[in-house]
C-alpha atoms as a PDB file:
ATOM      1  CA  MET A   1     -22.157  85.875   8.785  1.00  0.00           C
ATOM      2  CA  SER A   2     -21.062  84.069  11.760  1.00  0.00           C
ATOM      3  CA  PHE A   3     -23.207  82.618  14.384  1.00  0.00           C
ATOM      4  CA  SER A   4     -22.710  82.070  18.113  1.00  0.00           C
ATOM      5  CA  LEU A   5     -23.245  78.615  19.227  1.00  0.00           C
ATOM      6  CA  GLN A   6     -26.260  79.583  21.082  1.00  0.00           C
ATOM      7  CA  GLU A   7     -27.563  81.089  17.460  1.00  0.00           C
ATOM      8  CA  ALA A   8     -26.675  78.231  15.915  1.00  0.00           C
ATOM      9  CA  SER A   9     -28.254  75.687  17.926  1.00  0.00           C
ATOM     10  CA  LEU A  10     -31.645  77.782  18.158  1.00  0.00           C
ATOM     11  CA  GLN A  11     -31.558  76.908  14.295  1.00  0.00           C
ATOM     12  CA  ALA A  12     -30.523  73.391  14.680  1.00  0.00           C
ATOM     13  CA  PRO A  13     -32.955  71.373  17.177  1.00  0.00           C
ATOM     14  CA  MET A  14     -30.301  68.327  16.978  1.00  0.00           C
ATOM     15  CA  LEU A  15     -26.995  70.716  17.986  1.00  0.00           C
ATOM     16  CA  ALA A  16     -29.702  72.311  20.962  1.00  0.00           C
ATOM     17  CA  HIS A  17     -30.261  68.763  22.287  1.00  0.00           C
ATOM     18  CA  LEU A  18     -26.217  68.016  21.940  1.00  0.00           C
ATOM     19  CA  ARG A  19     -25.730  71.566  23.943  1.00  0.00           C
ATOM     20  CA  LYS A  20     -28.363  70.767  26.639  1.00  0.00           C
ATOM     21  CA  LEU A  21     -26.919  67.347  27.620  1.00  0.00           C
ATOM     22  CA  SER A  22     -23.146  69.002  27.409  1.00  0.00           C
ATOM     23  CA  ALA A  23     -24.824  71.385  30.183  1.00  0.00           C
ATOM     24  CA  GLU A  24     -26.260  68.698  31.825  1.00  0.00           C
ATOM     25  CA  SER A  25     -22.828  66.705  31.849  1.00  0.00           C
ATOM     26  CA  SER A  26     -21.539  69.748  32.928  1.00  0.00           C
ATOM     27  CA  ARG A  27     -23.460  69.815  36.340  1.00  0.00           C
ATOM     28  CA  ASN A  28     -23.532  66.728  37.009  1.00  0.00           C
ATOM     29  CA  LEU A  29     -19.469  67.073  37.382  1.00  0.00           C
ATOM     30  CA  ALA A  30     -20.144  69.715  39.587  1.00  0.00           C
ATOM     31  CA  LEU A  31     -22.361  68.128  42.242  1.00  0.00           C
ATOM     32  CA  THR A  32     -20.628  65.180  42.114  1.00  0.00           C
ATOM     33  CA  LEU A  33     -17.032  67.306  43.071  1.00  0.00           C
ATOM     34  CA  GLN A  34     -19.182  68.299  46.309  1.00  0.00           C
ATOM     35  CA  CYS A  35     -18.539  64.551  47.165  1.00  0.00           C
ATOM     36  CA  VAL A  36     -15.395  63.712  46.372  1.00  0.00           C
ATOM     37  CA  PRO A  37     -11.798  64.296  47.911  1.00  0.00           C
ATOM     38  CA  GLU A  38     -10.328  68.235  46.685  1.00  0.00           C
ATOM     39  CA  SER A  39      -7.592  65.881  45.315  1.00  0.00           C
ATOM     40  CA  LEU A  40      -8.913  63.775  42.999  1.00  0.00           C
ATOM     41  CA  HIS A  41     -10.887  66.640  41.266  1.00  0.00           C
ATOM     42  CA  PRO A  42      -8.074  67.268  38.722  1.00  0.00           C
ATOM     43  CA  SER A  43      -8.447  63.640  37.481  1.00  0.00           C
ATOM     44  CA  LEU A  44     -12.272  64.036  36.343  1.00  0.00           C
ATOM     45  CA  GLN A  45     -14.095  65.022  33.653  1.00  0.00           C
ATOM     46  CA  ALA A  46     -17.571  65.158  32.591  1.00  0.00           C
ATOM     47  CA  GLY A  47     -18.264  62.435  30.231  1.00  0.00           C
ATOM     48  CA  PRO A  48     -21.416  62.001  27.793  1.00  0.00           C
ATOM     49  CA  ILE A  49     -24.922  61.288  28.942  1.00  0.00           C
ATOM     50  CA  GLU A  50     -26.583  58.449  27.488  1.00  0.00           C
ATOM     51  CA  LEU A  51     -30.593  57.977  27.596  1.00  0.00           C
ATOM     52  CA  THR A  52     -31.806  54.185  26.798  1.00  0.00           C
ATOM     53  CA  PRO A  53     -35.370  53.771  26.793  1.00  0.00           C
ATOM     54  CA  LEU A  54     -37.192  51.924  28.977  1.00  0.00           C
ATOM     55  CA  SER A  55     -39.251  50.350  26.854  1.00  0.00           C
ATOM     56  CA  LYS A  56     -38.309  48.377  23.074  1.00  0.00           C
ATOM     57  CA  THR A  57     -40.592  50.688  21.427  1.00  0.00           C
ATOM     58  CA  GLY A  58     -38.090  53.245  22.276  1.00  0.00           C
ATOM     59  CA  LEU A  59     -40.843  55.804  22.843  1.00  0.00           C
ATOM     60  CA  GLY A  60     -41.528  56.918  26.361  1.00  0.00           C
ATOM     61  CA  GLU A  61     -39.432  56.953  28.901  1.00  0.00           C
ATOM     62  CA  HIS A  62     -35.890  56.775  29.272  1.00  0.00           C
ATOM     63  CA  SER A  63     -33.083  55.782  31.874  1.00  0.00           C
ATOM     64  CA  LYS A  64     -30.407  58.358  32.018  1.00  0.00           C
ATOM     65  CA  VAL A  65     -27.195  57.011  32.317  1.00  0.00           C
ATOM     66  CA  TRP A  66     -23.892  59.225  32.841  1.00  0.00           C
ATOM     67  CA  CYS A  67     -20.367  58.572  31.977  1.00  0.00           C
ATOM     68  CA  LEU A  68     -17.772  59.957  34.477  1.00  0.00           C
ATOM     69  CA  ILE A  69     -14.452  59.992  33.060  1.00  0.00           C
ATOM     70  CA  VAL A  70     -11.448  59.657  35.337  1.00  0.00           C
ATOM     71  CA  ASN A  71      -7.442  59.438  34.834  1.00  0.00           C
ATOM     72  CA  ASN A  72      -6.143  56.261  35.600  1.00  0.00           C
ATOM     73  CA  ASN A  73      -7.282  53.229  37.409  1.00  0.00           C
ATOM     74  CA  ALA A  74      -6.237  54.058  41.267  1.00  0.00           C
ATOM     75  CA  VAL A  75      -8.331  57.455  40.870  1.00  0.00           C
ATOM     76  CA  ALA A  76     -11.457  54.789  39.405  1.00  0.00           C
ATOM     77  CA  SER A  77     -10.851  52.472  42.235  1.00  0.00           C
ATOM     78  CA  LYS A  78     -11.664  55.285  44.759  1.00  0.00           C
ATOM     79  CA  ILE A  79     -14.560  57.156  42.880  1.00  0.00           C
ATOM     80  CA  ARG A  80     -16.231  52.988  41.870  1.00  0.00           C
ATOM     81  CA  GLN A  81     -16.134  53.112  46.499  1.00  0.00           C
ATOM     82  CA  LEU A  82     -17.979  56.541  46.512  1.00  0.00           C
ATOM     83  CA  LEU A  83     -20.340  55.441  43.498  1.00  0.00           C
ATOM     84  CA  PRO A  84     -23.498  54.763  45.733  1.00  0.00           C
ATOM     85  CA  ALA A  85     -22.986  58.130  47.340  1.00  0.00           C
ATOM     86  CA  LEU A  86     -22.656  59.846  44.364  1.00  0.00           C
ATOM     87  CA  LEU A  87     -25.719  58.575  43.065  1.00  0.00           C
ATOM     88  CA  THR A  88     -27.707  58.936  46.129  1.00  0.00           C
ATOM     89  CA  HIS A  89     -26.528  63.174  45.949  1.00  0.00           C
ATOM     90  CA  LEU A  90     -27.019  63.471  41.937  1.00  0.00           C
ATOM     91  CA  GLN A  91     -30.629  62.050  42.249  1.00  0.00           C
ATOM     92  CA  ALA A  92     -31.353  64.080  45.703  1.00  0.00           C
ATOM     93  CA  GLN A  93     -30.587  67.263  43.295  1.00  0.00           C
ATOM     94  CA  GLY A  94     -32.725  66.002  40.352  1.00  0.00           C
ATOM     95  CA  THR A  95     -30.458  65.229  37.849  1.00  0.00           C
ATOM     96  CA  GLY A  96     -32.387  62.240  36.563  1.00  0.00           C
ATOM     97  CA  VAL A  97     -29.216  59.809  36.614  1.00  0.00           C
ATOM     98  CA  CYS A  98     -30.621  56.750  37.402  1.00  0.00           C
ATOM     99  CA  SER A  99     -26.486  54.992  36.737  1.00  0.00           C
ATOM    100  CA  VAL A 100     -23.015  56.490  36.889  1.00  0.00           C
ATOM    101  CA  ARG A 101     -20.430  54.426  34.458  1.00  0.00           C
ATOM    102  CA  LEU A 102     -16.942  55.162  35.086  1.00  0.00           C
ATOM    103  CA  ALA A 103     -14.236  55.466  32.010  1.00  0.00           C
ATOM    104  CA  VAL A 104     -10.632  55.062  32.422  1.00  0.00           C
ATOM    105  CA  ALA A 105      -8.867  58.198  29.882  1.00  0.00           C
ATOM    106  CA  LYS A 106      -6.511  56.926  27.732  1.00  0.00           C
ATOM    107  CA  GLN A 107      -3.152  58.193  28.141  1.00  0.00           C
ATOM    108  CA  VAL A 108      -1.362  59.367  25.314  1.00  0.00           C
ATOM    109  CA  ARG A 109       2.152  58.747  25.103  1.00  0.00           C
ATOM    110  CA  ARG A 110       4.737  61.152  23.754  1.00  0.00           C
ATOM    111  CA  PRO A 111       7.599  59.714  22.169  1.00  0.00           C
END
């Protein structure tokens, strides 16, 4: 008996949560691409969403930090200039993102 990802996620709440976060991250990337020059689109990837509790107890509301993965430092520099506009756009679309973190993807060197 085999299960599709959707069927498995219905059986496992943690998997359903991860699937939801992955879909949110993909949506954030799609919204980001609307504000970024097309030449940079291939250099961007959706990264993880981190939920940080706003209280010390860990209960209640969380701040949502989205990670945008870029291919290299030059792209990171350009995106860093656009971050205020990107964050405003994401928030206007109701994503709940309060901060965007950039991460440069590690380059795999081939022998």
